[in-house]
N, C-alpha and C. Protein backbone atom coordinates (compact mmCIF):
# COMPACT_ATOMS: atom_id res chain seq x y z
N MET A 1 -13.62 3.68 28.97
CA MET A 1 -12.66 4.08 27.98
C MET A 1 -13.30 5.13 27.09
N SER A 2 -12.57 6.17 26.76
CA SER A 2 -13.13 7.19 25.89
C SER A 2 -12.76 6.89 24.46
N ASP A 3 -13.53 7.39 23.53
CA ASP A 3 -13.22 7.24 22.12
C ASP A 3 -13.14 8.64 21.55
N ARG A 4 -11.93 9.14 21.42
CA ARG A 4 -11.74 10.50 20.96
C ARG A 4 -11.30 10.48 19.51
N PRO A 5 -12.04 11.11 18.62
CA PRO A 5 -11.58 11.20 17.24
C PRO A 5 -10.41 12.16 17.15
N ASP A 6 -9.59 11.94 16.15
CA ASP A 6 -8.48 12.85 15.90
C ASP A 6 -9.04 14.17 15.40
N THR A 7 -8.42 15.27 15.74
CA THR A 7 -8.88 16.58 15.32
C THR A 7 -7.80 17.23 14.48
N PRO A 8 -8.12 18.31 13.76
CA PRO A 8 -7.10 18.98 12.95
C PRO A 8 -5.89 19.36 13.79
N GLU A 9 -4.76 19.34 13.18
CA GLU A 9 -3.48 19.65 13.82
C GLU A 9 -3.20 18.72 15.01
N ASN A 10 -3.88 17.57 15.03
CA ASN A 10 -3.67 16.58 16.09
C ASN A 10 -3.89 17.15 17.47
N ALA A 11 -4.73 18.17 17.59
CA ALA A 11 -5.05 18.72 18.90
C ALA A 11 -5.97 17.75 19.62
N GLU A 12 -5.80 17.63 20.90
CA GLU A 12 -6.63 16.74 21.68
C GLU A 12 -7.63 17.55 22.49
N PRO A 13 -8.92 17.20 22.42
CA PRO A 13 -9.91 17.94 23.19
C PRO A 13 -9.69 17.73 24.68
N PRO A 14 -10.26 18.59 25.52
CA PRO A 14 -10.12 18.40 26.96
C PRO A 14 -10.71 17.07 27.37
N PRO A 15 -10.20 16.47 28.45
CA PRO A 15 -10.71 15.18 28.87
C PRO A 15 -12.17 15.26 29.27
N ALA A 16 -12.91 14.22 28.92
CA ALA A 16 -14.30 14.11 29.33
C ALA A 16 -14.35 13.58 30.76
N PRO A 17 -15.43 13.81 31.48
CA PRO A 17 -15.53 13.25 32.83
C PRO A 17 -15.32 11.75 32.80
N GLY A 18 -14.53 11.26 33.71
CA GLY A 18 -14.25 9.83 33.77
C GLY A 18 -13.19 9.39 32.79
N ASP A 19 -12.56 10.30 32.05
CA ASP A 19 -11.58 9.95 31.04
C ASP A 19 -10.16 9.88 31.60
N ARG A 20 -9.97 10.26 32.83
CA ARG A 20 -8.64 10.29 33.41
C ARG A 20 -8.46 9.11 34.35
N ALA A 21 -7.22 8.70 34.51
CA ALA A 21 -6.93 7.66 35.49
C ALA A 21 -7.22 8.20 36.88
N PRO A 22 -7.70 7.39 37.79
CA PRO A 22 -7.94 7.88 39.14
C PRO A 22 -6.66 8.39 39.77
N GLU A 23 -6.77 9.42 40.60
CA GLU A 23 -5.60 9.91 41.32
C GLU A 23 -5.11 8.79 42.22
N SER A 24 -3.80 8.56 42.19
CA SER A 24 -3.32 7.37 42.87
C SER A 24 -2.04 7.56 43.64
N GLY A 25 -1.50 8.74 43.70
CA GLY A 25 -0.22 8.89 44.36
C GLY A 25 0.93 8.62 43.41
N GLY A 26 0.64 8.19 42.18
CA GLY A 26 1.65 8.10 41.15
C GLY A 26 2.41 6.81 41.02
N ARG A 27 2.19 5.81 41.83
CA ARG A 27 2.96 4.58 41.70
C ARG A 27 2.34 3.68 40.64
N PRO A 28 3.18 3.00 39.83
CA PRO A 28 2.64 2.09 38.84
C PRO A 28 1.80 1.02 39.53
N GLY A 29 0.72 0.68 38.91
CA GLY A 29 -0.14 -0.35 39.47
C GLY A 29 -1.26 0.20 40.32
N GLU A 30 -1.19 1.48 40.66
CA GLU A 30 -2.22 2.06 41.50
C GLU A 30 -3.27 2.80 40.69
N GLY A 31 -3.15 2.85 39.36
CA GLY A 31 -4.09 3.58 38.53
C GLY A 31 -5.42 2.88 38.40
N ALA A 32 -5.43 1.57 38.48
CA ALA A 32 -6.69 0.84 38.40
C ALA A 32 -7.28 0.75 39.80
N THR A 33 -8.58 0.79 39.87
CA THR A 33 -9.24 0.75 41.16
C THR A 33 -10.16 -0.45 41.24
N GLU A 34 -10.59 -0.75 42.44
CA GLU A 34 -11.54 -1.84 42.62
C GLU A 34 -12.95 -1.33 42.49
N ALA A 35 -13.76 -2.06 41.76
CA ALA A 35 -15.18 -1.75 41.63
C ALA A 35 -15.90 -2.42 42.79
N PRO A 36 -17.17 -2.06 43.04
CA PRO A 36 -17.92 -2.74 44.10
C PRO A 36 -17.85 -4.25 43.92
N GLY A 37 -17.71 -4.96 45.02
CA GLY A 37 -17.60 -6.41 44.97
C GLY A 37 -16.18 -6.90 44.79
N GLY A 38 -15.19 -5.98 44.78
CA GLY A 38 -13.80 -6.38 44.70
C GLY A 38 -13.29 -6.63 43.29
N ALA A 39 -14.11 -6.46 42.27
CA ALA A 39 -13.67 -6.66 40.89
C ALA A 39 -12.76 -5.51 40.47
N LEU A 40 -11.76 -5.82 39.66
CA LEU A 40 -10.83 -4.81 39.19
C LEU A 40 -11.48 -3.95 38.13
N LYS A 41 -11.31 -2.65 38.24
CA LYS A 41 -11.83 -1.71 37.26
C LYS A 41 -10.64 -1.17 36.47
N ALA A 42 -10.64 -1.36 35.17
CA ALA A 42 -9.54 -0.90 34.34
C ALA A 42 -9.77 0.54 33.92
N VAL A 43 -8.67 1.22 33.56
CA VAL A 43 -8.74 2.55 32.98
C VAL A 43 -8.13 2.49 31.60
N GLY A 44 -8.60 3.35 30.72
CA GLY A 44 -8.05 3.31 29.37
C GLY A 44 -8.42 4.53 28.56
N TRP A 45 -7.76 4.64 27.42
CA TRP A 45 -7.95 5.75 26.51
C TRP A 45 -7.87 5.23 25.09
N ALA A 46 -8.55 5.89 24.17
CA ALA A 46 -8.52 5.51 22.76
C ALA A 46 -8.38 6.75 21.90
N ARG A 47 -7.71 6.59 20.77
CA ARG A 47 -7.54 7.71 19.84
C ARG A 47 -7.43 7.17 18.42
N ALA A 48 -8.14 7.80 17.51
CA ALA A 48 -8.02 7.49 16.09
C ALA A 48 -6.92 8.35 15.49
N LEU A 49 -6.08 7.75 14.68
CA LEU A 49 -4.99 8.46 14.01
C LEU A 49 -5.10 8.18 12.51
N PRO A 50 -5.65 9.13 11.74
CA PRO A 50 -5.77 8.91 10.30
C PRO A 50 -4.39 8.87 9.64
N LEU A 51 -4.37 8.44 8.40
CA LEU A 51 -3.10 8.37 7.66
C LEU A 51 -2.37 9.71 7.66
N SER A 52 -3.10 10.81 7.69
CA SER A 52 -2.47 12.13 7.66
C SER A 52 -1.82 12.52 8.98
N SER A 53 -2.07 11.76 10.04
CA SER A 53 -1.47 12.09 11.34
C SER A 53 -0.06 11.52 11.43
N SER A 54 0.69 12.05 12.35
CA SER A 54 2.07 11.60 12.51
C SER A 54 2.18 10.55 13.62
N VAL A 55 3.18 9.72 13.48
CA VAL A 55 3.50 8.76 14.54
C VAL A 55 3.90 9.53 15.80
N ARG A 56 4.57 10.64 15.62
CA ARG A 56 4.98 11.48 16.75
C ARG A 56 3.77 11.91 17.58
N ALA A 57 2.66 12.27 16.92
CA ALA A 57 1.44 12.68 17.63
C ALA A 57 0.91 11.53 18.49
N GLY A 58 0.93 10.32 17.96
CA GLY A 58 0.48 9.16 18.73
C GLY A 58 1.38 8.88 19.92
N ARG A 59 2.68 9.05 19.72
CA ARG A 59 3.63 8.83 20.80
C ARG A 59 3.44 9.88 21.90
N ALA A 60 3.25 11.14 21.53
CA ALA A 60 3.04 12.20 22.52
C ALA A 60 1.75 11.97 23.29
N TRP A 61 0.71 11.55 22.60
CA TRP A 61 -0.58 11.25 23.23
C TRP A 61 -0.40 10.11 24.26
N ALA A 62 0.32 9.06 23.86
CA ALA A 62 0.54 7.93 24.78
C ALA A 62 1.36 8.38 25.99
N ARG A 63 2.38 9.20 25.78
CA ARG A 63 3.22 9.68 26.89
C ARG A 63 2.38 10.45 27.92
N ARG A 64 1.46 11.28 27.44
CA ARG A 64 0.61 12.04 28.38
C ARG A 64 -0.19 11.09 29.28
N HIS A 65 -0.70 10.01 28.71
CA HIS A 65 -1.48 9.08 29.52
C HIS A 65 -0.59 8.24 30.44
N LEU A 66 0.62 7.95 30.02
CA LEU A 66 1.56 7.25 30.91
C LEU A 66 1.95 8.16 32.08
N GLU A 67 2.04 9.47 31.83
CA GLU A 67 2.28 10.42 32.92
C GLU A 67 1.12 10.40 33.91
N GLU A 68 -0.11 10.33 33.42
CA GLU A 68 -1.28 10.27 34.30
C GLU A 68 -1.23 9.05 35.21
N LEU A 69 -0.69 7.95 34.71
CA LEU A 69 -0.58 6.73 35.50
C LEU A 69 0.63 6.77 36.45
N GLY A 70 1.50 7.76 36.31
CA GLY A 70 2.69 7.84 37.14
C GLY A 70 3.86 7.04 36.61
N TRP A 71 3.71 6.45 35.44
CA TRP A 71 4.77 5.59 34.90
C TRP A 71 6.02 6.36 34.52
N THR A 72 5.90 7.61 34.08
CA THR A 72 7.08 8.36 33.66
C THR A 72 8.02 8.62 34.83
N GLU A 73 7.48 8.65 36.03
CA GLU A 73 8.31 8.87 37.21
C GLU A 73 8.88 7.56 37.76
N TYR A 74 8.06 6.50 37.79
CA TYR A 74 8.46 5.27 38.46
C TYR A 74 8.83 4.11 37.53
N ALA A 75 8.57 4.25 36.27
CA ALA A 75 8.86 3.16 35.34
C ALA A 75 9.37 3.73 34.02
N ALA A 76 10.34 4.63 34.11
CA ALA A 76 10.82 5.36 32.93
C ALA A 76 11.32 4.43 31.83
N GLY A 77 12.03 3.38 32.17
CA GLY A 77 12.51 2.44 31.17
C GLY A 77 11.37 1.73 30.45
N THR A 78 10.34 1.38 31.19
CA THR A 78 9.18 0.74 30.58
C THR A 78 8.44 1.74 29.70
N VAL A 79 8.39 3.00 30.11
CA VAL A 79 7.76 4.04 29.29
C VAL A 79 8.47 4.12 27.94
N ASP A 80 9.80 4.10 27.94
CA ASP A 80 10.54 4.13 26.68
C ASP A 80 10.16 2.94 25.80
N ASP A 81 10.05 1.76 26.41
CA ASP A 81 9.67 0.55 25.66
C ASP A 81 8.27 0.69 25.08
N VAL A 82 7.35 1.23 25.87
CA VAL A 82 5.98 1.43 25.40
C VAL A 82 5.97 2.41 24.23
N LEU A 83 6.70 3.50 24.33
CA LEU A 83 6.69 4.52 23.27
C LEU A 83 7.32 4.02 21.98
N VAL A 84 8.37 3.21 22.08
CA VAL A 84 8.94 2.59 20.87
C VAL A 84 7.90 1.66 20.24
N THR A 85 7.20 0.90 21.07
CA THR A 85 6.17 -0.01 20.57
C THR A 85 5.04 0.77 19.89
N VAL A 86 4.59 1.85 20.51
CA VAL A 86 3.56 2.69 19.89
C VAL A 86 4.05 3.16 18.51
N SER A 87 5.29 3.62 18.44
CA SER A 87 5.84 4.09 17.17
C SER A 87 5.84 2.99 16.12
N GLU A 88 6.29 1.82 16.50
CA GLU A 88 6.38 0.71 15.55
C GLU A 88 5.00 0.27 15.07
N LEU A 89 4.05 0.15 15.99
CA LEU A 89 2.71 -0.32 15.60
C LEU A 89 1.98 0.71 14.75
N LEU A 90 2.12 1.99 15.07
CA LEU A 90 1.50 3.03 14.25
C LEU A 90 2.16 3.10 12.87
N THR A 91 3.47 2.98 12.82
CA THR A 91 4.18 2.98 11.54
C THR A 91 3.71 1.81 10.68
N ASN A 92 3.58 0.64 11.28
CA ASN A 92 3.10 -0.52 10.52
C ASN A 92 1.70 -0.28 9.97
N ALA A 93 0.81 0.30 10.79
CA ALA A 93 -0.55 0.56 10.34
C ALA A 93 -0.56 1.55 9.17
N HIS A 94 0.19 2.62 9.29
CA HIS A 94 0.19 3.65 8.25
C HIS A 94 0.97 3.21 7.01
N LEU A 95 2.14 2.62 7.18
CA LEU A 95 3.02 2.31 6.06
C LEU A 95 2.63 1.00 5.37
N HIS A 96 2.48 -0.06 6.15
CA HIS A 96 2.25 -1.38 5.55
C HIS A 96 0.77 -1.66 5.28
N ALA A 97 -0.09 -1.29 6.21
CA ALA A 97 -1.53 -1.51 6.01
C ALA A 97 -2.16 -0.38 5.21
N ARG A 98 -1.44 0.76 5.07
CA ARG A 98 -1.97 1.95 4.39
C ARG A 98 -3.35 2.30 4.94
N SER A 99 -3.40 2.37 6.26
CA SER A 99 -4.67 2.49 6.95
C SER A 99 -4.57 3.50 8.09
N ALA A 100 -5.72 4.05 8.45
CA ALA A 100 -5.81 4.78 9.70
C ALA A 100 -5.50 3.79 10.83
N ALA A 101 -5.10 4.32 11.95
CA ALA A 101 -4.80 3.47 13.11
C ALA A 101 -5.67 3.89 14.28
N HIS A 102 -6.10 2.93 15.04
CA HIS A 102 -6.86 3.19 16.26
C HIS A 102 -6.00 2.70 17.42
N LEU A 103 -5.50 3.63 18.21
CA LEU A 103 -4.59 3.36 19.31
C LEU A 103 -5.38 3.33 20.62
N VAL A 104 -5.22 2.26 21.38
CA VAL A 104 -5.91 2.11 22.67
C VAL A 104 -4.88 1.73 23.72
N LEU A 105 -4.90 2.44 24.84
CA LEU A 105 -4.09 2.09 26.01
C LEU A 105 -5.05 1.67 27.11
N THR A 106 -4.79 0.53 27.74
CA THR A 106 -5.63 0.04 28.83
C THR A 106 -4.73 -0.45 29.95
N TRP A 107 -4.99 0.02 31.17
CA TRP A 107 -4.26 -0.42 32.37
C TRP A 107 -5.24 -1.12 33.28
N ASP A 108 -4.98 -2.38 33.59
CA ASP A 108 -5.89 -3.14 34.43
C ASP A 108 -5.31 -3.45 35.81
N GLY A 109 -4.21 -2.78 36.16
CA GLY A 109 -3.57 -3.01 37.44
C GLY A 109 -2.51 -4.09 37.39
N ARG A 110 -2.44 -4.83 36.31
CA ARG A 110 -1.46 -5.89 36.13
C ARG A 110 -0.63 -5.66 34.88
N CYS A 111 -1.30 -5.21 33.82
CA CYS A 111 -0.65 -5.07 32.53
C CYS A 111 -1.14 -3.80 31.85
N LEU A 112 -0.23 -3.07 31.22
CA LEU A 112 -0.60 -1.97 30.35
C LEU A 112 -0.69 -2.57 28.95
N TYR A 113 -1.88 -2.56 28.37
CA TYR A 113 -2.09 -3.08 27.03
C TYR A 113 -2.02 -1.92 26.05
N VAL A 114 -1.19 -2.08 25.02
CA VAL A 114 -1.07 -1.12 23.94
C VAL A 114 -1.61 -1.83 22.71
N SER A 115 -2.74 -1.35 22.20
CA SER A 115 -3.38 -1.99 21.04
C SER A 115 -3.48 -1.01 19.90
N VAL A 116 -3.19 -1.50 18.69
CA VAL A 116 -3.36 -0.71 17.48
C VAL A 116 -4.15 -1.55 16.49
N HIS A 117 -5.26 -0.98 16.04
CA HIS A 117 -6.09 -1.64 15.02
C HIS A 117 -5.90 -0.91 13.70
N ASP A 118 -5.79 -1.67 12.60
CA ASP A 118 -5.73 -1.08 11.27
C ASP A 118 -6.63 -1.87 10.33
N GLY A 119 -6.73 -1.43 9.09
CA GLY A 119 -7.66 -2.02 8.15
C GLY A 119 -7.17 -3.21 7.37
N SER A 120 -5.98 -3.70 7.62
CA SER A 120 -5.45 -4.85 6.89
C SER A 120 -5.59 -6.12 7.73
N PRO A 121 -6.11 -7.21 7.12
CA PRO A 121 -6.20 -8.47 7.88
C PRO A 121 -4.88 -9.23 7.94
N GLN A 122 -3.85 -8.77 7.22
CA GLN A 122 -2.56 -9.47 7.20
C GLN A 122 -1.86 -9.30 8.55
N LEU A 123 -1.60 -10.44 9.21
CA LEU A 123 -0.98 -10.40 10.53
C LEU A 123 0.52 -10.13 10.42
N PRO A 124 1.06 -9.33 11.35
CA PRO A 124 2.50 -9.06 11.33
C PRO A 124 3.27 -10.25 11.91
N ARG A 125 4.54 -10.27 11.59
CA ARG A 125 5.40 -11.31 12.16
C ARG A 125 6.82 -10.75 12.21
N PRO A 126 7.55 -11.13 13.25
CA PRO A 126 8.96 -10.74 13.26
C PRO A 126 9.67 -11.39 12.08
N ARG A 127 10.59 -10.67 11.46
CA ARG A 127 11.34 -11.23 10.34
C ARG A 127 12.79 -10.80 10.44
N GLU A 128 13.61 -11.49 9.70
CA GLU A 128 15.03 -11.17 9.67
C GLU A 128 15.26 -10.01 8.70
N ALA A 129 15.92 -8.98 9.15
CA ALA A 129 16.29 -7.86 8.29
C ALA A 129 17.80 -7.85 8.17
N GLY A 130 18.27 -7.73 6.95
CA GLY A 130 19.71 -7.70 6.72
C GLY A 130 20.34 -6.46 7.33
N PRO A 131 21.66 -6.47 7.47
CA PRO A 131 22.35 -5.35 8.11
C PRO A 131 22.13 -4.02 7.41
N GLY A 132 21.92 -4.01 6.11
CA GLY A 132 21.72 -2.76 5.37
C GLY A 132 20.26 -2.39 5.18
N ALA A 133 19.35 -3.22 5.66
CA ALA A 133 17.93 -2.96 5.46
C ALA A 133 17.49 -1.74 6.25
N THR A 134 16.60 -0.96 5.65
CA THR A 134 16.10 0.24 6.32
C THR A 134 14.74 0.00 6.97
N SER A 135 14.22 -1.20 6.85
CA SER A 135 12.94 -1.56 7.50
C SER A 135 12.96 -3.05 7.80
N GLY A 136 11.90 -3.51 8.46
CA GLY A 136 11.79 -4.93 8.72
C GLY A 136 12.13 -5.36 10.13
N ARG A 137 12.37 -4.39 11.01
CA ARG A 137 12.75 -4.73 12.38
C ARG A 137 11.66 -4.41 13.41
N GLY A 138 10.56 -3.82 12.97
CA GLY A 138 9.54 -3.33 13.90
C GLY A 138 8.97 -4.38 14.83
N MET A 139 8.50 -5.49 14.29
CA MET A 139 7.89 -6.51 15.15
C MET A 139 8.95 -7.24 15.97
N ALA A 140 10.18 -7.32 15.47
CA ALA A 140 11.25 -7.89 16.29
C ALA A 140 11.51 -7.00 17.50
N LEU A 141 11.42 -5.68 17.31
CA LEU A 141 11.56 -4.75 18.44
C LEU A 141 10.42 -4.92 19.44
N VAL A 142 9.20 -4.99 18.92
CA VAL A 142 8.04 -5.20 19.80
C VAL A 142 8.21 -6.50 20.57
N ASP A 143 8.64 -7.54 19.89
CA ASP A 143 8.85 -8.85 20.53
C ASP A 143 9.89 -8.76 21.64
N ALA A 144 10.94 -7.96 21.42
CA ALA A 144 12.00 -7.82 22.42
C ALA A 144 11.59 -6.92 23.59
N LEU A 145 10.77 -5.91 23.34
CA LEU A 145 10.45 -4.93 24.37
C LEU A 145 9.24 -5.28 25.23
N ALA A 146 8.22 -5.86 24.63
CA ALA A 146 6.98 -6.15 25.35
C ALA A 146 7.12 -7.44 26.15
N ASP A 147 6.37 -7.52 27.25
CA ASP A 147 6.34 -8.77 28.02
C ASP A 147 5.61 -9.86 27.25
N ASP A 148 4.69 -9.45 26.40
CA ASP A 148 3.93 -10.38 25.57
C ASP A 148 3.27 -9.56 24.47
N TRP A 149 2.96 -10.18 23.35
CA TRP A 149 2.19 -9.52 22.31
C TRP A 149 1.45 -10.56 21.50
N ARG A 150 0.37 -10.09 20.86
CA ARG A 150 -0.42 -10.98 20.01
C ARG A 150 -1.06 -10.14 18.91
N ALA A 151 -1.48 -10.82 17.86
CA ALA A 151 -2.18 -10.16 16.76
C ALA A 151 -3.40 -11.00 16.42
N GLN A 152 -4.48 -10.32 16.11
CA GLN A 152 -5.72 -11.02 15.80
C GLN A 152 -6.43 -10.30 14.66
N ALA A 153 -6.77 -11.07 13.62
CA ALA A 153 -7.52 -10.51 12.49
C ALA A 153 -9.01 -10.61 12.77
N ASP A 154 -9.75 -9.66 12.21
CA ASP A 154 -11.21 -9.71 12.28
C ASP A 154 -11.75 -9.23 10.94
N GLU A 155 -13.07 -9.08 10.85
CA GLU A 155 -13.68 -8.72 9.57
C GLU A 155 -13.33 -7.30 9.11
N ARG A 156 -12.79 -6.47 9.99
CA ARG A 156 -12.44 -5.09 9.64
C ARG A 156 -10.94 -4.83 9.58
N GLY A 157 -10.11 -5.85 9.76
CA GLY A 157 -8.67 -5.67 9.74
C GLY A 157 -8.00 -6.52 10.80
N LYS A 158 -7.12 -5.90 11.56
CA LYS A 158 -6.43 -6.64 12.62
C LYS A 158 -6.13 -5.71 13.78
N THR A 159 -5.90 -6.32 14.94
CA THR A 159 -5.45 -5.60 16.12
C THR A 159 -4.20 -6.28 16.63
N VAL A 160 -3.18 -5.48 16.86
CA VAL A 160 -1.94 -5.95 17.49
C VAL A 160 -1.92 -5.37 18.89
N THR A 161 -1.73 -6.23 19.88
CA THR A 161 -1.74 -5.81 21.28
C THR A 161 -0.46 -6.29 21.96
N ALA A 162 0.21 -5.36 22.62
CA ALA A 162 1.40 -5.66 23.41
C ALA A 162 1.09 -5.40 24.87
N CYS A 163 1.65 -6.21 25.76
CA CYS A 163 1.44 -6.09 27.19
C CYS A 163 2.75 -5.70 27.87
N PHE A 164 2.66 -4.74 28.79
CA PHE A 164 3.83 -4.29 29.55
C PHE A 164 3.50 -4.30 31.04
N HIS A 165 4.37 -4.94 31.83
CA HIS A 165 4.25 -4.92 33.29
C HIS A 165 5.28 -3.91 33.81
N PRO A 166 4.90 -3.09 34.78
CA PRO A 166 5.88 -2.13 35.31
C PRO A 166 6.93 -2.86 36.14
N PRO A 167 8.14 -2.28 36.25
CA PRO A 167 9.18 -2.90 37.08
C PRO A 167 8.67 -3.11 38.51
N GLY A 168 9.07 -4.21 39.11
CA GLY A 168 8.68 -4.50 40.48
C GLY A 168 7.32 -5.13 40.59
N HIS A 169 6.60 -5.22 39.48
CA HIS A 169 5.28 -5.87 39.49
C HIS A 169 5.50 -7.38 39.53
N PRO A 170 4.70 -8.13 40.27
CA PRO A 170 4.91 -9.57 40.39
C PRO A 170 5.00 -10.31 39.07
N ASP A 171 4.32 -9.82 38.02
CA ASP A 171 4.36 -10.52 36.74
C ASP A 171 5.54 -10.12 35.88
N HIS A 172 6.34 -9.15 36.30
CA HIS A 172 7.45 -8.66 35.47
C HIS A 172 8.67 -9.53 35.62
């Protein structure tokens, strides 16, 4: 997994060697490869998004990596769900935690993990938002869109991770 710091104007540096998903013919589930001995080798990417960055930049960054995995062609509906989740988790980090966000995408051949770490130890929870409310639906959306999600606090804040299985995958 690469750790790329955010750069001015949210420009992304060229990929480092080993930073791209293996070429796979583009079908979901083929991005992860087997390591020697038959163990699964995951692929992933990481990006820091300071408070000054936009949620849109994080969403565009995630879309580029989903394209590398072939998901935009074969799992377009799941891509939309992933991008809404990225938006919600980054918004929560910036708005509610008032923190930079660290976005990580990891594909292990079974699940695409979308993780966002921020500086607040307060765990999110789905809540009821009234019909006129302009906020309060983010985690309910994540709960509805992701196959699974969890949140874990640590000494530096918390990480919220959502899991997505592509359509046609045995776990979906």
